[in-house]
Amino acid sequence: MTDRRLTIHFTDGTKLSFAFPRPQEGVGYNVTQRVQELVKDQYLMIEVDGTVMLFPFANIKYIQVSPAPDPLPANVIKGATLAG
């Protein structure tokens, strides 16, 4: 399987990018449930090269994941393009 990419764009204008395998391990992996759980937490946690990095959501402007997971949660607007 191809890798998935995640880029964190921080409120100070900096960004960090990560590559990770897909699918992630776990019985019953469900993107919709994972996104909902993630939003409830105060930190985004990523295991990177044997260490764990914690990113406070208060410092994150937005997160970009590609390719988009499938299926997406029902409340996601699909098929959009950047228009400027």
C-alpha atoms as a PDB file:
ATOM      1  CA  MET A   1       0.000   0.000   0.000  1.00  0.00           C
ATOM      2  CA  THR A   2       1.125   3.540  -0.635  1.00  0.00           C
ATOM      3  CA  ASP A   3       2.016   5.895   2.153  1.00  0.00           C
ATOM      4  CA  ARG A   4      -0.285   8.556   3.477  1.00  0.00           C
ATOM      5  CA  ARG A   5       1.055  12.064   4.080  1.00  0.00           C
ATOM      6  CA  LEU A   6       0.088  14.394   6.917  1.00  0.00           C
ATOM      7  CA  THR A   7       1.099  18.049   7.088  1.00  0.00           C
ATOM      8  CA  ILE A   8       0.468  20.108  10.208  1.00  0.00           C
ATOM      9  CA  HIS A   9       0.178  23.845   9.547  1.00  0.00           C
ATOM     10  CA  PHE A  10       0.826  25.779  12.745  1.00  0.00           C
ATOM     11  CA  THR A  11      -0.613  29.120  13.805  1.00  0.00           C
ATOM     12  CA  ASP A  12       2.868  30.722  13.602  1.00  0.00           C
ATOM     13  CA  GLY A  13       3.095  29.918   9.863  1.00  0.00           C
ATOM     14  CA  THR A  14       5.467  26.938  10.152  1.00  0.00           C
ATOM     15  CA  LYS A  15       4.608  23.401   9.110  1.00  0.00           C
ATOM     16  CA  LEU A  16       5.789  19.820   9.608  1.00  0.00           C
ATOM     17  CA  SER A  17       5.124  16.920   7.236  1.00  0.00           C
ATOM     18  CA  PHE A  18       5.021  13.196   7.996  1.00  0.00           C
ATOM     19  CA  ALA A  19       4.665  10.029   5.924  1.00  0.00           C
ATOM     20  CA  PHE A  20       3.061   6.934   7.406  1.00  0.00           C
ATOM     21  CA  PRO A  21       1.766   3.608   6.116  1.00  0.00           C
ATOM     22  CA  ARG A  22      -1.845   2.976   5.370  1.00  0.00           C
ATOM     23  CA  PRO A  23      -3.961   1.453   6.569  1.00  0.00           C
ATOM     24  CA  GLN A  24      -3.071   2.015  10.184  1.00  0.00           C
ATOM     25  CA  GLU A  25      -3.132  -1.097  12.343  1.00  0.00           C
ATOM     26  CA  GLY A  26      -6.095  -1.899  14.496  1.00  0.00           C
ATOM     27  CA  VAL A  27      -9.156  -4.047  14.454  1.00  0.00           C
ATOM     28  CA  GLY A  28     -12.178  -2.168  13.177  1.00  0.00           C
ATOM     29  CA  TYR A  29     -10.194   0.834  11.957  1.00  0.00           C
ATOM     30  CA  ASN A  30     -12.769   3.423  11.002  1.00  0.00           C
ATOM     31  CA  VAL A  31     -11.724   6.848   9.724  1.00  0.00           C
ATOM     32  CA  THR A  32     -14.938   8.524  10.866  1.00  0.00           C
ATOM     33  CA  GLN A  33     -14.536   7.258  14.437  1.00  0.00           C
ATOM     34  CA  ARG A  34     -10.839   8.149  14.514  1.00  0.00           C
ATOM     35  CA  VAL A  35     -11.508  11.726  13.358  1.00  0.00           C
ATOM     36  CA  GLN A  36     -14.231  12.163  15.982  1.00  0.00           C
ATOM     37  CA  GLU A  37     -11.924  10.827  18.717  1.00  0.00           C
ATOM     38  CA  LEU A  38      -9.082  13.043  17.538  1.00  0.00           C
ATOM     39  CA  VAL A  39     -11.185  16.199  17.767  1.00  0.00           C
ATOM     40  CA  LYS A  40     -12.062  15.423  21.412  1.00  0.00           C
ATOM     41  CA  ASP A  41      -8.398  15.307  22.478  1.00  0.00           C
ATOM     42  CA  GLN A  42      -6.247  18.323  23.332  1.00  0.00           C
ATOM     43  CA  TYR A  43      -3.194  16.972  21.529  1.00  0.00           C
ATOM     44  CA  LEU A  44      -2.372  15.363  18.218  1.00  0.00           C
ATOM     45  CA  MET A  45       0.048  12.517  19.017  1.00  0.00           C
ATOM     46  CA  ILE A  46       2.318  11.023  16.356  1.00  0.00           C
ATOM     47  CA  GLU A  47       4.845   8.216  16.819  1.00  0.00           C
ATOM     48  CA  VAL A  48       7.899   9.250  14.808  1.00  0.00           C
ATOM     49  CA  ASP A  49      11.025   7.122  14.497  1.00  0.00           C
ATOM     50  CA  GLY A  50      10.524   5.499  17.917  1.00  0.00           C
ATOM     51  CA  THR A  51       9.525   8.672  19.760  1.00  0.00           C
ATOM     52  CA  VAL A  52       6.114  10.236  20.430  1.00  0.00           C
ATOM     53  CA  MET A  53       5.485  13.851  19.478  1.00  0.00           C
ATOM     54  CA  LEU A  54       2.551  15.754  21.019  1.00  0.00           C
ATOM     55  CA  PHE A  55       1.145  18.800  19.268  1.00  0.00           C
ATOM     56  CA  PRO A  56      -1.379  20.969  21.178  1.00  0.00           C
ATOM     57  CA  PHE A  57      -4.405  21.687  19.001  1.00  0.00           C
ATOM     58  CA  ALA A  58      -4.269  25.308  20.224  1.00  0.00           C
ATOM     59  CA  ASN A  59      -1.084  25.716  18.119  1.00  0.00           C
ATOM     60  CA  ILE A  60      -2.484  24.065  14.975  1.00  0.00           C
ATOM     61  CA  LYS A  61      -4.137  26.129  12.251  1.00  0.00           C
ATOM     62  CA  TYR A  62      -5.101  23.112  10.129  1.00  0.00           C
ATOM     63  CA  ILE A  63      -4.049  19.568   9.223  1.00  0.00           C
ATOM     64  CA  GLN A  64      -3.776  18.269   5.671  1.00  0.00           C
ATOM     65  CA  VAL A  65      -3.926  14.518   4.952  1.00  0.00           C
ATOM     66  CA  SER A  66      -3.362  12.985   1.518  1.00  0.00           C
ATOM     67  CA  PRO A  67      -4.588  10.980  -0.112  1.00  0.00           C
ATOM     68  CA  ALA A  68      -7.943  11.528   1.544  1.00  0.00           C
ATOM     69  CA  PRO A  69      -9.110   8.538   3.581  1.00  0.00           C
ATOM     70  CA  ASP A  70     -11.985   6.486   2.251  1.00  0.00           C
ATOM     71  CA  PRO A  71     -14.708   6.479   3.350  1.00  0.00           C
ATOM     72  CA  LEU A  72     -14.893  10.057   4.600  1.00  0.00           C
ATOM     73  CA  PRO A  73     -17.259  11.104   7.390  1.00  0.00           C
ATOM     74  CA  ALA A  74     -20.733  12.079   6.169  1.00  0.00           C
ATOM     75  CA  ASN A  75     -20.285  15.755   7.112  1.00  0.00           C
ATOM     76  CA  VAL A  76     -17.246  16.267   4.808  1.00  0.00           C
ATOM     77  CA  ILE A  77     -17.764  18.378   1.672  1.00  0.00           C
ATOM     78  CA  LYS A  78     -16.400  16.210  -1.128  1.00  0.00           C
ATOM     79  CA  GLY A  79     -14.962  17.074  -4.550  1.00  0.00           C
ATOM     80  CA  ALA A  80     -13.867  20.636  -3.680  1.00  0.00           C
ATOM     81  CA  THR A  81     -10.953  22.461  -5.329  1.00  0.00           C
ATOM     82  CA  LEU A  82      -8.938  25.433  -4.067  1.00  0.00           C
ATOM     83  CA  ALA A  83     -10.187  28.536  -5.835  1.00  0.00           C
ATOM     84  CA  GLY A  84      -7.708  31.178  -4.890  1.00  0.00           C
END
